[in-house]
Amino acid sequence: MSGGKYYYKDKNLTTLILSKIEHVVDIIAEKEGRSFDACYPEFVSSKTYRNLVNTDTLLWGESAEFIVDDYYREKQGQ
């Protein structure tokens, strides 16, 4: 991330990634019957989140559902 923005090959992906984060956390909150505000810090502290905001991993190109599945796989491995 540079200057608060996410780039991949000179393409600004900031809006896409922030929107994806919101969608992922919404899904997690719904699945767990918890609030967005309760789920957000847990997601942000995950390896899945770090991979999502690291544009080189290309995780941002996957669906929100795929990312949620990845997050739960990570949690099961802990």
C-alpha atoms as a PDB file:
ATOM      1  CA  MET A   1       0.000   0.000   0.000  1.00  0.00           C
ATOM      2  CA  SER A   2       1.323   3.389  -0.895  1.00  0.00           C
ATOM      3  CA  GLY A   3      -0.144   6.614   0.452  1.00  0.00           C
ATOM      4  CA  GLY A   4      -3.333   4.904   1.637  1.00  0.00           C
ATOM      5  CA  LYS A   5      -4.046   3.382  -1.768  1.00  0.00           C
ATOM      6  CA  TYR A   6      -3.739  -0.110  -3.207  1.00  0.00           C
ATOM      7  CA  TYR A   7      -2.108  -0.578  -6.607  1.00  0.00           C
ATOM      8  CA  TYR A   8      -1.376  -3.500  -8.889  1.00  0.00           C
ATOM      9  CA  LYS A   9       0.626  -2.889 -12.052  1.00  0.00           C
ATOM     10  CA  ASP A  10      -0.111   0.859 -11.826  1.00  0.00           C
ATOM     11  CA  LYS A  11      -3.851   0.222 -11.554  1.00  0.00           C
ATOM     12  CA  ASN A  12      -5.559   1.761  -8.520  1.00  0.00           C
ATOM     13  CA  LEU A  13      -7.507  -0.995  -6.750  1.00  0.00           C
ATOM     14  CA  THR A  14      -8.343   0.966  -3.606  1.00  0.00           C
ATOM     15  CA  THR A  15     -12.111   1.148  -4.137  1.00  0.00           C
ATOM     16  CA  LEU A  16     -12.289  -2.502  -5.184  1.00  0.00           C
ATOM     17  CA  ILE A  17     -10.321  -3.752  -2.178  1.00  0.00           C
ATOM     18  CA  LEU A  18     -12.150  -1.597   0.370  1.00  0.00           C
ATOM     19  CA  SER A  19     -15.475  -2.710  -1.083  1.00  0.00           C
ATOM     20  CA  LYS A  20     -14.342  -6.344  -0.957  1.00  0.00           C
ATOM     21  CA  ILE A  21     -13.329  -5.973   2.705  1.00  0.00           C
ATOM     22  CA  GLU A  22     -16.760  -4.574   3.534  1.00  0.00           C
ATOM     23  CA  HIS A  23     -18.524  -7.388   1.670  1.00  0.00           C
ATOM     24  CA  VAL A  24     -16.382 -10.075   3.332  1.00  0.00           C
ATOM     25  CA  VAL A  25     -17.005  -8.716   6.825  1.00  0.00           C
ATOM     26  CA  ASP A  26     -20.728  -8.395   6.082  1.00  0.00           C
ATOM     27  CA  ILE A  27     -20.823 -12.087   5.141  1.00  0.00           C
ATOM     28  CA  ILE A  28     -18.867 -13.107   8.244  1.00  0.00           C
ATOM     29  CA  ALA A  29     -21.149 -11.024  10.484  1.00  0.00           C
ATOM     30  CA  GLU A  30     -24.253 -12.573   8.947  1.00  0.00           C
ATOM     31  CA  LYS A  31     -22.900 -16.136   9.231  1.00  0.00           C
ATOM     32  CA  GLU A  32     -21.933 -15.617  12.857  1.00  0.00           C
ATOM     33  CA  GLY A  33     -24.978 -13.597  13.868  1.00  0.00           C
ATOM     34  CA  ARG A  34     -22.736 -10.806  15.110  1.00  0.00           C
ATOM     35  CA  SER A  35     -22.353  -7.142  14.249  1.00  0.00           C
ATOM     36  CA  PHE A  36     -20.074  -5.824  11.536  1.00  0.00           C
ATOM     37  CA  ASP A  37     -18.223  -3.831  14.203  1.00  0.00           C
ATOM     38  CA  ALA A  38     -17.533  -6.982  16.218  1.00  0.00           C
ATOM     39  CA  CYS A  39     -16.264  -8.966  13.221  1.00  0.00           C
ATOM     40  CA  TYR A  40     -14.187  -6.269  11.533  1.00  0.00           C
ATOM     41  CA  PRO A  41     -11.241  -6.211  14.007  1.00  0.00           C
ATOM     42  CA  GLU A  42     -10.987 -10.001  13.928  1.00  0.00           C
ATOM     43  CA  PHE A  43     -10.886 -10.046  10.136  1.00  0.00           C
ATOM     44  CA  VAL A  44      -8.348  -7.213   9.970  1.00  0.00           C
ATOM     45  CA  SER A  45      -6.020  -9.129  12.295  1.00  0.00           C
ATOM     46  CA  SER A  46      -6.103 -12.238  10.069  1.00  0.00           C
ATOM     47  CA  LYS A  47      -3.614 -13.531   7.532  1.00  0.00           C
ATOM     48  CA  THR A  48      -6.463 -13.580   5.011  1.00  0.00           C
ATOM     49  CA  TYR A  49      -6.832  -9.805   5.378  1.00  0.00           C
ATOM     50  CA  ARG A  50      -3.079  -9.289   4.987  1.00  0.00           C
ATOM     51  CA  ASN A  51      -3.185 -11.365   1.806  1.00  0.00           C
ATOM     52  CA  LEU A  52      -6.186  -9.408   0.537  1.00  0.00           C
ATOM     53  CA  VAL A  53      -4.494  -6.028   0.917  1.00  0.00           C
ATOM     54  CA  ASN A  54      -1.201  -7.351  -0.482  1.00  0.00           C
ATOM     55  CA  THR A  55      -2.096  -6.846  -4.132  1.00  0.00           C
ATOM     56  CA  ASP A  56       0.690  -9.193  -5.282  1.00  0.00           C
ATOM     57  CA  THR A  57      -1.245 -12.199  -3.933  1.00  0.00           C
ATOM     58  CA  LEU A  58      -4.142 -11.484  -6.340  1.00  0.00           C
ATOM     59  CA  LEU A  59      -6.633 -12.489  -3.626  1.00  0.00           C
ATOM     60  CA  TRP A  60      -8.479  -9.244  -4.381  1.00  0.00           C
ATOM     61  CA  GLY A  61      -9.525 -10.850  -7.681  1.00  0.00           C
ATOM     62  CA  GLU A  62     -11.424 -13.641  -5.947  1.00  0.00           C
ATOM     63  CA  SER A  63     -15.066 -13.499  -4.880  1.00  0.00           C
ATOM     64  CA  ALA A  64     -15.996 -12.363  -1.382  1.00  0.00           C
ATOM     65  CA  GLU A  65     -17.358 -15.870  -0.710  1.00  0.00           C
ATOM     66  CA  PHE A  66     -13.985 -17.422  -1.627  1.00  0.00           C
ATOM     67  CA  ILE A  67     -12.210 -14.988   0.709  1.00  0.00           C
ATOM     68  CA  VAL A  68     -14.631 -15.809   3.534  1.00  0.00           C
ATOM     69  CA  ASP A  69     -13.947 -19.528   3.006  1.00  0.00           C
ATOM     70  CA  ASP A  70     -10.208 -18.786   3.122  1.00  0.00           C
ATOM     71  CA  TYR A  71     -10.711 -16.867   6.368  1.00  0.00           C
ATOM     72  CA  TYR A  72     -12.558 -19.784   7.971  1.00  0.00           C
ATOM     73  CA  ARG A  73      -9.915 -22.260   6.753  1.00  0.00           C
ATOM     74  CA  GLU A  74      -7.325 -20.046   8.413  1.00  0.00           C
ATOM     75  CA  LYS A  75      -9.294 -19.958  11.671  1.00  0.00           C
ATOM     76  CA  GLN A  76      -9.623 -23.757  11.686  1.00  0.00           C
ATOM     77  CA  GLY A  77      -5.855 -24.108  11.242  1.00  0.00           C
ATOM     78  CA  GLN A  78      -5.100 -22.034  14.335  1.00  0.00           C
END
